[in-house]
Amino acid sequence: MAKSLVEKVYTYNKALSEPQRIKMMKIICSSEEETVCVTDIARLLKISQPAATKHLKILCDAGFIKRKRVGSNVYYSANLETIEDYKKVLEYSFIQGFKPCRFDYDCDNCPYKETCA
C-alpha cells in the first residue's frame, strides 16, 4: 500500500528531526568518495561510534542513505532517489496545504493521497 503524502512528510521529517542527522547527511552527500564509514562520521561529529550507528540506522530506515558492508567496515552513501522524493513531497505539501479538502480529510480513502496534504 502506498504511503499518503502526509505519512511521507512525517517519515522524512522525523528522520531529519535531529541536528546530528542533518550533519550526517551533509557529510555523506558532500563526500567526494561517495561513501563514508561510520568511524569517519563519528570522528567528524565528535560522537561515539554506537551513537553514530543509531543515527545512521534511522536515516537508512527512512531511505535517505544506503549502506554497504566491506569486510568489517560499513560504508554509507546518499540515496538520491529518496532525496529527490523528499524534495517533491515538500513541494506537493506546500502546493496542497492551502487548498480545501474535498474528501473531509479522510486521507485513507482519498484518490489523491499520494500528492495531497
Protein backbone atom coordinates (compact mmCIF):
# COMPACT_ATOMS: atom_id res chain seq x y z
CA MET A 1 0.00 0.00 0.00
CA ALA A 2 1.39 3.39 -1.00
CA LYS A 3 2.02 5.91 1.73
CA SER A 4 0.00 9.08 1.70
CA LEU A 5 1.75 12.40 1.28
CA VAL A 6 1.11 13.15 4.95
CA GLU A 7 2.76 9.86 6.01
CA LYS A 8 5.76 10.52 3.77
CA VAL A 9 6.24 14.04 5.14
CA TYR A 10 6.07 12.66 8.68
CA THR A 11 8.53 9.82 7.99
CA TYR A 12 11.07 12.01 6.22
CA ASN A 13 10.85 14.89 8.69
CA LYS A 14 11.09 12.57 11.68
CA ALA A 15 14.29 11.05 10.30
CA LEU A 16 15.79 14.52 9.79
CA SER A 17 14.49 15.98 13.06
CA GLU A 18 17.79 15.61 14.92
CA PRO A 19 20.67 18.03 14.25
CA GLN A 20 23.30 15.26 14.19
CA ARG A 21 21.40 13.50 11.41
CA ILE A 22 21.27 16.70 9.34
CA LYS A 23 25.04 16.98 9.77
CA MET A 24 25.45 13.33 8.78
CA MET A 25 23.50 13.95 5.59
CA LYS A 26 25.81 16.89 4.82
CA ILE A 27 28.89 14.72 5.38
CA ILE A 28 27.57 11.84 3.29
CA CYS A 29 26.14 13.94 0.46
CA SER A 30 29.25 16.10 0.13
CA SER A 31 31.76 13.26 0.29
CA GLU A 32 33.99 13.21 -2.77
CA GLU A 33 34.44 9.46 -2.43
CA GLU A 34 30.65 8.94 -2.44
CA THR A 35 30.94 6.63 0.57
CA VAL A 36 31.80 7.36 4.18
CA CYS A 37 32.32 4.89 7.02
CA VAL A 38 30.75 5.21 10.44
CA THR A 39 34.17 5.75 12.05
CA ASP A 40 34.76 8.86 9.93
CA ILE A 41 31.30 10.24 10.70
CA ALA A 42 31.71 9.66 14.45
CA ARG A 43 35.15 11.32 14.40
CA LEU A 44 33.94 14.36 12.42
CA LEU A 45 30.92 14.89 14.69
CA LYS A 46 32.85 14.07 17.88
CA ILE A 47 30.30 11.44 18.94
CA SER A 48 30.68 7.77 19.80
CA GLN A 49 30.55 5.17 17.08
CA PRO A 50 27.46 3.49 18.64
CA ALA A 51 25.65 6.87 18.67
CA ALA A 52 26.59 7.47 15.04
CA THR A 53 25.39 3.97 14.13
CA LYS A 54 22.00 4.60 15.76
CA HIS A 55 21.52 7.85 13.84
CA LEU A 56 22.64 6.24 10.58
CA LYS A 57 20.15 3.40 11.04
CA ILE A 58 17.32 5.94 11.28
CA LEU A 59 18.49 7.64 8.08
CA CYS A 60 18.77 4.23 6.37
CA ASP A 61 15.31 3.16 7.53
CA ALA A 62 13.84 6.36 6.07
CA GLY A 63 15.68 5.65 2.82
CA PHE A 64 17.92 8.73 2.80
CA ILE A 65 21.13 6.72 2.76
CA LYS A 66 22.34 3.31 1.64
CA ARG A 67 24.73 1.09 3.50
CA LYS A 68 27.29 -1.32 2.13
CA ARG A 69 29.42 -3.70 4.18
CA VAL A 70 33.00 -4.24 3.04
CA GLY A 71 34.80 -6.60 5.39
CA SER A 72 34.34 -5.26 8.90
CA ASN A 73 33.52 -1.71 7.73
CA VAL A 74 30.13 -0.31 6.80
CA TYR A 75 30.06 2.48 4.24
CA TYR A 76 27.22 4.93 3.68
CA SER A 77 26.20 6.81 0.56
CA ALA A 78 23.32 9.10 -0.36
CA ASN A 79 20.17 7.60 -1.85
CA LEU A 80 19.43 10.26 -4.44
CA GLU A 81 16.04 8.78 -5.32
CA THR A 82 14.76 9.30 -1.78
CA ILE A 83 16.30 12.76 -1.56
CA GLU A 84 14.51 13.74 -4.80
CA ASP A 85 11.27 12.23 -3.48
CA TYR A 86 11.62 14.26 -0.28
CA LYS A 87 12.02 17.46 -2.30
CA LYS A 88 8.92 16.56 -4.35
CA VAL A 89 6.94 15.68 -1.21
CA LEU A 90 7.76 19.06 0.34
CA GLU A 91 6.76 20.87 -2.84
CA TYR A 92 3.43 19.00 -3.01
CA SER A 93 2.84 19.77 0.67
CA PHE A 94 3.16 23.49 0.11
CA ILE A 95 1.02 23.42 -3.02
CA GLN A 96 -1.75 21.30 -1.50
CA GLY A 97 -1.54 22.72 2.01
CA PHE A 98 -3.51 25.81 1.03
CA LYS A 99 -6.32 24.06 -0.83
CA PRO A 100 -9.55 22.90 0.83
CA CYS A 101 -10.03 19.15 1.15
CA ARG A 102 -12.90 17.71 -0.89
CA PHE A 103 -12.80 14.38 0.98
CA ASP A 104 -13.33 15.56 4.59
CA TYR A 105 -9.66 14.91 5.49
CA ASP A 106 -10.11 11.15 5.09
CA CYS A 107 -6.64 10.54 3.65
CA ASP A 108 -7.03 6.75 3.63
CA ASN A 109 -9.87 6.97 1.11
CA CYS A 110 -8.68 9.98 -0.86
CA PRO A 111 -7.89 9.22 -4.51
CA TYR A 112 -5.15 11.88 -4.37
CA LYS A 113 -3.49 10.78 -1.12
CA GLU A 114 -0.04 10.43 -2.69
CA THR A 115 0.02 14.09 -3.76
CA CYS A 116 -2.31 15.80 -1.30
CA ALA A 117 -1.68 17.05 2.20
